[in-house]
Amino acid sequence: MRTNNATVKNIIVSVYFVLIVLAIVLATVFKAFSHLTSNPFLTFVIIFVGFLILFFSVHAISKYFEYDSDGIKVVVINKGLLLSDHFNYREHKIEFDKHRLVAFKFKNYSVYRSLTLYIKNSKGLVKKEIFNVTLLSKKKRRYIGQSLSKLVRSNTQSTH
């Protein structure tokens, strides 16, 4: 099974555009926020810090995800959504044999979702790998869960 979340790239670009427009509007109507504090510098710092928190929150959760279980290996990739064509600055890729998968778990937080894979290495130790699946649709997460469940089930039956 192969799946990814490439279709959400346009949505994230739009969110960044809206954030930049919001920053320009806030800079233009800076006087409207003068009631926050009597010090204009402090008002600017409050607005700027709020904008940075919002910007980096979007940046942290917006990751490209790809899952490929066709063939003898499973490939899972997480990388930055913007500028990832030119720079691999946030890439997390793992490729492993299907029989090495021990378990998996999806975790849902309020605005963040992750996939944790437990993979046995050649020495028999289990390694934990975490991937961001926030922008993956519920339907695709369910399909990935079914595929991984099938792998785990076949791995536990082959060891017994």
C-alpha atoms as a PDB file:
ATOM      1  CA  MET A   1       0.000   0.000   0.000  1.00  0.00           C
ATOM      2  CA  ARG A   2       1.240   3.478  -0.873  1.00  0.00           C
ATOM      3  CA  THR A   3      -0.129   6.745   0.451  1.00  0.00           C
ATOM      4  CA  ASN A   4       0.945  10.301   1.226  1.00  0.00           C
ATOM      5  CA  ASN A   5      -0.466  13.713   2.103  1.00  0.00           C
ATOM      6  CA  ALA A   6       0.836  15.740  -0.860  1.00  0.00           C
ATOM      7  CA  THR A   7      -2.575  17.308  -1.485  1.00  0.00           C
ATOM      8  CA  VAL A   8      -2.411  19.446   1.672  1.00  0.00           C
ATOM      9  CA  LYS A   9       0.592  21.436   0.429  1.00  0.00           C
ATOM     10  CA  ASN A  10      -1.647  24.083  -1.157  1.00  0.00           C
ATOM     11  CA  ILE A  11      -3.577  24.467   2.089  1.00  0.00           C
ATOM     12  CA  ILE A  12      -0.388  25.056   4.084  1.00  0.00           C
ATOM     13  CA  VAL A  13       0.869  27.583   1.521  1.00  0.00           C
ATOM     14  CA  SER A  14      -2.464  29.385   1.908  1.00  0.00           C
ATOM     15  CA  VAL A  15      -2.136  29.357   5.709  1.00  0.00           C
ATOM     16  CA  TYR A  16       1.350  30.885   5.467  1.00  0.00           C
ATOM     17  CA  PHE A  17       0.005  33.513   3.058  1.00  0.00           C
ATOM     18  CA  VAL A  18      -2.783  34.393   5.480  1.00  0.00           C
ATOM     19  CA  LEU A  19      -0.259  34.642   8.329  1.00  0.00           C
ATOM     20  CA  ILE A  20       1.922  37.028   6.321  1.00  0.00           C
ATOM     21  CA  VAL A  21      -1.084  39.158   5.373  1.00  0.00           C
ATOM     22  CA  LEU A  22      -2.141  39.155   9.036  1.00  0.00           C
ATOM     23  CA  ALA A  23       1.322  40.362  10.051  1.00  0.00           C
ATOM     24  CA  ILE A  24       1.151  43.191   7.509  1.00  0.00           C
ATOM     25  CA  VAL A  25      -2.332  44.188   8.680  1.00  0.00           C
ATOM     26  CA  LEU A  26      -1.254  44.111  12.330  1.00  0.00           C
ATOM     27  CA  ALA A  27       1.762  46.265  11.509  1.00  0.00           C
ATOM     28  CA  THR A  28      -0.494  48.711   9.684  1.00  0.00           C
ATOM     29  CA  VAL A  29      -3.135  49.006  12.408  1.00  0.00           C
ATOM     30  CA  PHE A  30      -0.614  48.901  15.245  1.00  0.00           C
ATOM     31  CA  LYS A  31      -2.275  51.927  16.896  1.00  0.00           C
ATOM     32  CA  ALA A  32      -5.493  49.935  17.368  1.00  0.00           C
ATOM     33  CA  PHE A  33      -3.690  47.734  19.905  1.00  0.00           C
ATOM     34  CA  SER A  34      -2.453  50.633  22.012  1.00  0.00           C
ATOM     35  CA  HIS A  35      -5.044  49.810  24.695  1.00  0.00           C
ATOM     36  CA  LEU A  36      -3.081  46.634  25.628  1.00  0.00           C
ATOM     37  CA  THR A  37      -0.330  48.621  27.334  1.00  0.00           C
ATOM     38  CA  SER A  38       0.708  52.245  27.541  1.00  0.00           C
ATOM     39  CA  ASN A  39       4.156  51.345  26.230  1.00  0.00           C
ATOM     40  CA  PRO A  40       4.111  50.992  22.403  1.00  0.00           C
ATOM     41  CA  PHE A  41       7.267  48.849  22.398  1.00  0.00           C
ATOM     42  CA  LEU A  42       5.682  46.349  24.793  1.00  0.00           C
ATOM     43  CA  THR A  43       2.562  46.219  22.606  1.00  0.00           C
ATOM     44  CA  PHE A  44       4.764  45.503  19.576  1.00  0.00           C
ATOM     45  CA  VAL A  45       6.617  42.746  21.449  1.00  0.00           C
ATOM     46  CA  ILE A  46       3.331  41.095  22.550  1.00  0.00           C
ATOM     47  CA  ILE A  47       1.938  41.113  18.993  1.00  0.00           C
ATOM     48  CA  PHE A  48       5.262  39.939  17.501  1.00  0.00           C
ATOM     49  CA  VAL A  49       5.656  37.067  19.994  1.00  0.00           C
ATOM     50  CA  GLY A  50       2.040  35.977  19.399  1.00  0.00           C
ATOM     51  CA  PHE A  51       2.650  35.972  15.651  1.00  0.00           C
ATOM     52  CA  LEU A  52       5.891  33.976  16.032  1.00  0.00           C
ATOM     53  CA  ILE A  53       4.170  31.371  18.223  1.00  0.00           C
ATOM     54  CA  LEU A  54       1.412  30.969  15.639  1.00  0.00           C
ATOM     55  CA  PHE A  55       3.888  30.837  12.730  1.00  0.00           C
ATOM     56  CA  PHE A  56       6.162  28.226  14.309  1.00  0.00           C
ATOM     57  CA  SER A  57       3.185  26.144  15.465  1.00  0.00           C
ATOM     58  CA  VAL A  58       2.031  25.853  11.864  1.00  0.00           C
ATOM     59  CA  HIS A  59       5.619  25.145  10.810  1.00  0.00           C
ATOM     60  CA  ALA A  60       5.982  22.337  13.374  1.00  0.00           C
ATOM     61  CA  ILE A  61       2.818  20.455  12.422  1.00  0.00           C
ATOM     62  CA  SER A  62       3.031  20.909   8.658  1.00  0.00           C
ATOM     63  CA  LYS A  63       5.016  17.913   7.494  1.00  0.00           C
ATOM     64  CA  TYR A  64       4.824  15.754   4.419  1.00  0.00           C
ATOM     65  CA  PHE A  65       4.187  12.078   5.191  1.00  0.00           C
ATOM     66  CA  GLU A  66       4.638   9.098   2.889  1.00  0.00           C
ATOM     67  CA  TYR A  67       4.031   5.416   3.618  1.00  0.00           C
ATOM     68  CA  ASP A  68       4.949   2.609   1.237  1.00  0.00           C
ATOM     69  CA  SER A  69       4.571  -1.054   2.151  1.00  0.00           C
ATOM     70  CA  ASP A  70       4.775  -2.433  -1.384  1.00  0.00           C
ATOM     71  CA  GLY A  71       7.656  -4.845  -1.868  1.00  0.00           C
ATOM     72  CA  ILE A  72       9.778  -6.533   0.787  1.00  0.00           C
ATOM     73  CA  LYS A  73      10.521  -3.354   2.745  1.00  0.00           C
ATOM     74  CA  VAL A  74       8.400  -0.710   4.407  1.00  0.00           C
ATOM     75  CA  VAL A  75       9.390   2.912   3.754  1.00  0.00           C
ATOM     76  CA  VAL A  76       8.109   5.744   5.949  1.00  0.00           C
ATOM     77  CA  ILE A  77       9.132   9.349   5.255  1.00  0.00           C
ATOM     78  CA  ASN A  78       8.488  12.608   7.093  1.00  0.00           C
ATOM     79  CA  LYS A  79       9.895  15.834   5.688  1.00  0.00           C
ATOM     80  CA  GLY A  80       9.181  19.526   5.635  1.00  0.00           C
ATOM     81  CA  LEU A  81       6.276  20.562   3.469  1.00  0.00           C
ATOM     82  CA  LEU A  82       7.696  23.816   2.143  1.00  0.00           C
ATOM     83  CA  LEU A  83      11.091  24.027   0.440  1.00  0.00           C
ATOM     84  CA  SER A  84      11.471  20.236   0.771  1.00  0.00           C
ATOM     85  CA  ASP A  85      12.012  19.943  -2.982  1.00  0.00           C
ATOM     86  CA  HIS A  86      15.277  21.860  -2.645  1.00  0.00           C
ATOM     87  CA  PHE A  87      16.406  21.203   0.935  1.00  0.00           C
ATOM     88  CA  ASN A  88      16.084  18.082   3.101  1.00  0.00           C
ATOM     89  CA  TYR A  89      16.272  20.091   6.295  1.00  0.00           C
ATOM     90  CA  ARG A  90      13.581  18.198   8.232  1.00  0.00           C
ATOM     91  CA  GLU A  91      13.636  14.763   6.652  1.00  0.00           C
ATOM     92  CA  HIS A  92      13.124  11.658   8.772  1.00  0.00           C
ATOM     93  CA  LYS A  93      13.164   8.487   6.707  1.00  0.00           C
ATOM     94  CA  ILE A  94      13.186   4.864   7.762  1.00  0.00           C
ATOM     95  CA  GLU A  95      13.292   1.766   5.606  1.00  0.00           C
ATOM     96  CA  PHE A  96      12.967  -1.645   7.240  1.00  0.00           C
ATOM     97  CA  ASP A  97      12.106  -5.243   6.431  1.00  0.00           C
ATOM     98  CA  LYS A  98       8.476  -6.133   7.107  1.00  0.00           C
ATOM     99  CA  HIS A  99       9.382  -8.929   9.525  1.00  0.00           C
ATOM    100  CA  ARG A 100      11.164  -6.432  11.849  1.00  0.00           C
ATOM    101  CA  LEU A 101       7.986  -4.543  12.800  1.00  0.00           C
ATOM    102  CA  VAL A 102       7.024  -5.391  16.377  1.00  0.00           C
ATOM    103  CA  ALA A 103       4.199  -2.926  17.069  1.00  0.00           C
ATOM    104  CA  PHE A 104       2.804   0.494  16.187  1.00  0.00           C
ATOM    105  CA  LYS A 105       0.643   3.105  17.851  1.00  0.00           C
ATOM    106  CA  PHE A 106      -1.228   6.190  16.698  1.00  0.00           C
ATOM    107  CA  LYS A 107      -1.362   9.022  19.241  1.00  0.00           C
ATOM    108  CA  ASN A 108      -3.906  11.827  18.954  1.00  0.00           C
ATOM    109  CA  TYR A 109      -3.274  15.087  20.756  1.00  0.00           C
ATOM    110  CA  SER A 110      -5.428  18.190  20.373  1.00  0.00           C
ATOM    111  CA  VAL A 111      -3.678  19.574  17.262  1.00  0.00           C
ATOM    112  CA  TYR A 112      -0.945  16.998  16.669  1.00  0.00           C
ATOM    113  CA  ARG A 113      -1.061  13.326  15.647  1.00  0.00           C
ATOM    114  CA  SER A 114       1.831  10.921  15.586  1.00  0.00           C
ATOM    115  CA  LEU A 115       2.601   7.402  14.475  1.00  0.00           C
ATOM    116  CA  THR A 116       5.052   5.440  16.607  1.00  0.00           C
ATOM    117  CA  LEU A 117       6.677   2.373  15.084  1.00  0.00           C
ATOM    118  CA  TYR A 118       8.499  -0.214  17.196  1.00  0.00           C
ATOM    119  CA  ILE A 119      11.111  -1.919  15.028  1.00  0.00           C
ATOM    120  CA  LYS A 120      13.449  -4.734  16.017  1.00  0.00           C
ATOM    121  CA  ASN A 121      17.045  -4.232  14.862  1.00  0.00           C
ATOM    122  CA  SER A 122      19.527  -6.962  13.903  1.00  0.00           C
ATOM    123  CA  LYS A 123      20.663  -7.339  17.545  1.00  0.00           C
ATOM    124  CA  GLY A 124      17.120  -7.997  18.734  1.00  0.00           C
ATOM    125  CA  LEU A 125      16.658  -4.597  20.414  1.00  0.00           C
ATOM    126  CA  VAL A 126      13.449  -2.693  19.758  1.00  0.00           C
ATOM    127  CA  LYS A 127      13.854   0.849  18.449  1.00  0.00           C
ATOM    128  CA  LYS A 128      11.082   3.445  18.606  1.00  0.00           C
ATOM    129  CA  GLU A 129      10.533   5.742  15.600  1.00  0.00           C
ATOM    130  CA  ILE A 130       8.014   8.611  15.730  1.00  0.00           C
ATOM    131  CA  PHE A 131       6.426  10.227  12.670  1.00  0.00           C
ATOM    132  CA  ASN A 132       4.162  13.265  12.334  1.00  0.00           C
ATOM    133  CA  VAL A 133       0.836  12.295  10.698  1.00  0.00           C
ATOM    134  CA  THR A 134      -1.102  15.437  11.617  1.00  0.00           C
ATOM    135  CA  LEU A 135      -2.009  16.376   8.058  1.00  0.00           C
ATOM    136  CA  LEU A 136      -2.932  12.845   7.025  1.00  0.00           C
ATOM    137  CA  SER A 137      -6.663  12.262   6.612  1.00  0.00           C
ATOM    138  CA  LYS A 138      -8.517   9.947   8.989  1.00  0.00           C
ATOM    139  CA  LYS A 139      -9.258   7.550   6.138  1.00  0.00           C
ATOM    140  CA  LYS A 140      -5.571   7.243   5.206  1.00  0.00           C
ATOM    141  CA  ARG A 141      -4.571   6.783   8.862  1.00  0.00           C
ATOM    142  CA  ARG A 142      -7.091   3.944   9.080  1.00  0.00           C
ATOM    143  CA  TYR A 143      -5.663   2.293   5.942  1.00  0.00           C
ATOM    144  CA  ILE A 144      -2.115   2.599   7.293  1.00  0.00           C
ATOM    145  CA  GLY A 145      -3.300   1.138  10.596  1.00  0.00           C
ATOM    146  CA  GLN A 146      -4.853  -1.820   8.789  1.00  0.00           C
ATOM    147  CA  SER A 147      -1.673  -2.403   6.795  1.00  0.00           C
ATOM    148  CA  LEU A 148       0.530  -2.211   9.890  1.00  0.00           C
ATOM    149  CA  SER A 149      -1.848  -4.466  11.870  1.00  0.00           C
ATOM    150  CA  LYS A 150      -1.602  -7.065   9.143  1.00  0.00           C
ATOM    151  CA  LEU A 151       2.221  -6.898   9.293  1.00  0.00           C
ATOM    152  CA  VAL A 152       2.317  -7.167  13.106  1.00  0.00           C
ATOM    153  CA  ARG A 153      -0.165 -10.049  13.064  1.00  0.00           C
ATOM    154  CA  SER A 154       1.857 -11.973  10.465  1.00  0.00           C
ATOM    155  CA  ASN A 155       5.079 -11.283  12.424  1.00  0.00           C
ATOM    156  CA  THR A 156       3.649 -12.576  15.713  1.00  0.00           C
ATOM    157  CA  GLN A 157       2.241 -15.691  14.028  1.00  0.00           C
ATOM    158  CA  SER A 158       5.577 -16.474  12.353  1.00  0.00           C
ATOM    159  CA  THR A 159       7.479 -16.275  15.675  1.00  0.00           C
ATOM    160  CA  HIS A 160       5.154 -18.737  17.434  1.00  0.00           C
END
